[in-house]
């Protein structure tokens, strides 16, 4: 997988996981504060769309993941 594909995979996983942990009706509910993590991931996605820079992609590239075309 390319770095941009992994970024989307990781972001989607984080969002679904934090929603499962933060929504009171969920069977794995822990705390509503997990919704703040959902907002954090969403804000980072918005920021990367506007600036063209993504911290997660930078980290993945330094770990040796191939950059996308």
N, C-alpha and C. Protein backbone atom coordinates (compact mmCIF):
# COMPACT_ATOMS: atom_id res chain seq x y z
N UNK A 1 0.84 -1.19 0.00
CA UNK A 1 0.00 0.00 0.00
C UNK A 1 0.88 1.24 0.00
N UNK A 2 0.38 2.26 -0.64
CA UNK A 2 1.06 3.56 -0.68
C UNK A 2 0.73 4.32 0.61
N UNK A 3 1.54 5.36 0.90
CA UNK A 3 1.34 6.11 2.14
C UNK A 3 -0.03 6.78 2.19
N UNK A 4 -0.52 7.31 1.05
CA UNK A 4 -1.82 7.99 1.08
C UNK A 4 -2.96 7.00 1.35
N UNK A 5 -2.79 5.75 0.91
CA UNK A 5 -3.81 4.74 1.17
C UNK A 5 -3.81 4.36 2.65
N UNK A 6 -2.63 4.24 3.23
CA UNK A 6 -2.55 3.92 4.65
C UNK A 6 -3.10 5.04 5.53
N UNK A 7 -2.87 6.28 5.13
CA UNK A 7 -3.42 7.41 5.89
C UNK A 7 -4.93 7.31 5.96
N UNK A 8 -5.56 7.02 4.85
CA UNK A 8 -7.03 6.90 4.83
C UNK A 8 -7.51 5.70 5.62
N UNK A 9 -6.77 4.60 5.54
CA UNK A 9 -7.11 3.41 6.31
C UNK A 9 -7.02 3.67 7.81
N UNK A 10 -5.93 4.30 8.22
CA UNK A 10 -5.73 4.60 9.64
C UNK A 10 -6.77 5.60 10.14
N UNK A 11 -7.02 6.66 9.36
CA UNK A 11 -8.01 7.67 9.78
C UNK A 11 -9.40 7.05 9.90
N UNK A 12 -9.79 6.25 8.94
CA UNK A 12 -11.09 5.60 9.00
C UNK A 12 -11.22 4.67 10.19
N UNK A 13 -10.15 3.93 10.47
CA UNK A 13 -10.14 3.03 11.62
C UNK A 13 -10.26 3.81 12.92
N UNK A 14 -9.48 4.90 13.04
CA UNK A 14 -9.53 5.73 14.25
C UNK A 14 -10.92 6.32 14.45
N UNK A 15 -11.54 6.80 13.38
CA UNK A 15 -12.86 7.40 13.50
C UNK A 15 -13.89 6.37 13.94
N UNK A 16 -13.92 5.22 13.28
CA UNK A 16 -14.90 4.19 13.66
C UNK A 16 -14.67 3.68 15.08
N UNK A 17 -13.40 3.50 15.46
CA UNK A 17 -13.07 3.01 16.80
C UNK A 17 -13.49 4.04 17.86
N UNK A 18 -13.18 5.32 17.63
CA UNK A 18 -13.53 6.33 18.63
C UNK A 18 -15.04 6.55 18.71
N UNK A 19 -15.74 6.39 17.60
CA UNK A 19 -17.21 6.47 17.66
C UNK A 19 -17.78 5.31 18.46
N UNK A 20 -17.24 4.11 18.25
CA UNK A 20 -17.71 2.94 19.01
C UNK A 20 -17.47 3.12 20.50
N UNK A 21 -16.35 3.75 20.85
CA UNK A 21 -16.02 3.95 22.27
C UNK A 21 -16.71 5.17 22.88
N UNK A 22 -17.21 6.09 22.03
CA UNK A 22 -17.75 7.34 22.56
C UNK A 22 -19.24 7.53 22.47
N UNK A 23 -19.94 6.69 21.72
CA UNK A 23 -21.39 6.84 21.58
C UNK A 23 -22.08 6.01 22.67
N UNK A 24 -22.90 6.65 23.51
CA UNK A 24 -23.51 5.94 24.64
C UNK A 24 -24.29 4.67 24.27
N UNK A 25 -24.85 4.58 23.11
CA UNK A 25 -25.62 3.40 22.74
C UNK A 25 -24.77 2.22 22.29
N UNK A 26 -23.48 2.43 22.17
CA UNK A 26 -22.58 1.38 21.69
C UNK A 26 -22.34 0.31 22.75
N UNK A 27 -22.21 -0.94 22.34
CA UNK A 27 -21.95 -2.00 23.33
C UNK A 27 -20.55 -1.92 23.95
N UNK A 28 -19.64 -1.16 23.33
CA UNK A 28 -18.28 -1.02 23.88
C UNK A 28 -18.04 0.41 24.39
N UNK A 29 -19.12 1.10 24.74
CA UNK A 29 -19.03 2.49 25.22
C UNK A 29 -18.11 2.59 26.44
N UNK A 30 -17.20 3.57 26.39
CA UNK A 30 -16.31 3.84 27.51
C UNK A 30 -16.58 5.22 28.09
N UNK A 31 -16.50 6.25 27.23
CA UNK A 31 -16.69 7.62 27.67
C UNK A 31 -17.03 8.49 26.47
N UNK A 32 -17.83 9.51 26.68
CA UNK A 32 -18.17 10.44 25.61
C UNK A 32 -16.96 11.26 25.17
N UNK A 33 -15.92 11.29 25.97
CA UNK A 33 -14.70 12.02 25.62
C UNK A 33 -14.00 11.43 24.39
N UNK A 34 -14.31 10.18 24.03
CA UNK A 34 -13.74 9.60 22.83
C UNK A 34 -14.19 10.34 21.58
N UNK A 35 -15.31 11.05 21.67
CA UNK A 35 -15.79 11.84 20.53
C UNK A 35 -14.85 13.00 20.24
N UNK A 36 -14.10 13.46 21.23
CA UNK A 36 -13.10 14.50 21.00
C UNK A 36 -12.00 13.97 20.09
N UNK A 37 -11.66 12.70 20.21
CA UNK A 37 -10.66 12.10 19.33
C UNK A 37 -11.20 12.04 17.90
N UNK A 38 -12.48 11.75 17.75
CA UNK A 38 -13.10 11.76 16.43
C UNK A 38 -12.97 13.15 15.81
N UNK A 39 -13.25 14.18 16.59
CA UNK A 39 -13.13 15.56 16.10
C UNK A 39 -11.68 15.89 15.75
N UNK A 40 -10.73 15.41 16.53
CA UNK A 40 -9.31 15.64 16.27
C UNK A 40 -8.90 15.03 14.93
N UNK A 41 -9.30 13.81 14.67
CA UNK A 41 -8.97 13.15 13.41
C UNK A 41 -9.62 13.90 12.24
N UNK A 42 -10.87 14.29 12.41
CA UNK A 42 -11.56 15.05 11.36
C UNK A 42 -10.89 16.38 11.09
N UNK A 43 -10.46 17.08 12.14
CA UNK A 43 -9.77 18.36 11.97
C UNK A 43 -8.44 18.17 11.24
N UNK A 44 -7.74 17.09 11.53
CA UNK A 44 -6.49 16.81 10.84
C UNK A 44 -6.72 16.49 9.37
N UNK A 45 -7.80 15.76 9.06
CA UNK A 45 -8.12 15.49 7.66
C UNK A 45 -8.45 16.79 6.92
N UNK A 46 -9.20 17.67 7.56
CA UNK A 46 -9.53 18.96 6.96
C UNK A 46 -8.26 19.79 6.73
N UNK A 47 -7.41 19.85 7.73
CA UNK A 47 -6.16 20.60 7.63
C UNK A 47 -5.29 20.07 6.50
N UNK A 48 -5.18 18.75 6.38
CA UNK A 48 -4.33 18.19 5.33
C UNK A 48 -4.91 18.43 3.94
N UNK A 49 -6.23 18.49 3.83
CA UNK A 49 -6.86 18.79 2.54
C UNK A 49 -6.60 20.23 2.12
N UNK A 50 -6.55 21.14 3.09
CA UNK A 50 -6.35 22.56 2.78
C UNK A 50 -4.88 22.93 2.57
N UNK A 51 -3.97 22.26 3.28
CA UNK A 51 -2.56 22.63 3.20
C UNK A 51 -1.73 21.69 2.35
N UNK A 52 -2.21 20.47 2.13
CA UNK A 52 -1.44 19.49 1.37
C UNK A 52 -0.39 18.77 2.19
N UNK A 53 -0.36 19.00 3.50
CA UNK A 53 0.61 18.36 4.37
C UNK A 53 -0.11 17.53 5.43
N UNK A 54 0.37 16.30 5.66
CA UNK A 54 -0.25 15.41 6.63
C UNK A 54 0.84 14.79 7.50
N UNK A 55 0.74 14.97 8.80
CA UNK A 55 1.74 14.44 9.73
C UNK A 55 1.81 12.92 9.65
N UNK A 56 0.68 12.25 9.56
CA UNK A 56 0.68 10.78 9.50
C UNK A 56 1.42 10.29 8.26
N UNK A 57 1.22 10.97 7.14
CA UNK A 57 1.91 10.57 5.92
C UNK A 57 3.42 10.79 6.05
N UNK A 58 3.83 11.86 6.70
CA UNK A 58 5.25 12.11 6.95
C UNK A 58 5.84 11.01 7.82
N UNK A 59 5.12 10.61 8.85
CA UNK A 59 5.59 9.54 9.74
C UNK A 59 5.70 8.23 8.97
N UNK A 60 4.69 7.92 8.17
CA UNK A 60 4.72 6.67 7.40
C UNK A 60 5.87 6.64 6.41
N UNK A 61 6.16 7.77 5.78
CA UNK A 61 7.27 7.83 4.82
C UNK A 61 8.61 7.60 5.53
N UNK A 62 8.75 8.17 6.71
CA UNK A 62 9.99 7.96 7.48
C UNK A 62 10.13 6.51 7.94
N UNK A 63 9.01 5.82 8.06
CA UNK A 63 9.04 4.40 8.43
C UNK A 63 9.30 3.51 7.21
N UNK A 64 9.41 4.13 6.04
CA UNK A 64 9.76 3.37 4.85
C UNK A 64 8.62 3.03 3.93
N UNK A 65 7.43 3.55 4.19
CA UNK A 65 6.28 3.28 3.32
C UNK A 65 6.45 4.10 2.05
N UNK A 66 6.17 3.49 0.92
CA UNK A 66 6.33 4.15 -0.38
C UNK A 66 5.31 5.26 -0.55
N UNK A 67 5.79 6.41 -1.05
CA UNK A 67 4.89 7.54 -1.32
C UNK A 67 4.02 7.23 -2.52
N UNK A 68 2.83 7.78 -2.53
CA UNK A 68 1.91 7.57 -3.64
C UNK A 68 2.18 8.52 -4.79
N UNK A 69 1.63 8.19 -5.94
CA UNK A 69 1.84 9.02 -7.13
C UNK A 69 0.71 10.03 -7.28
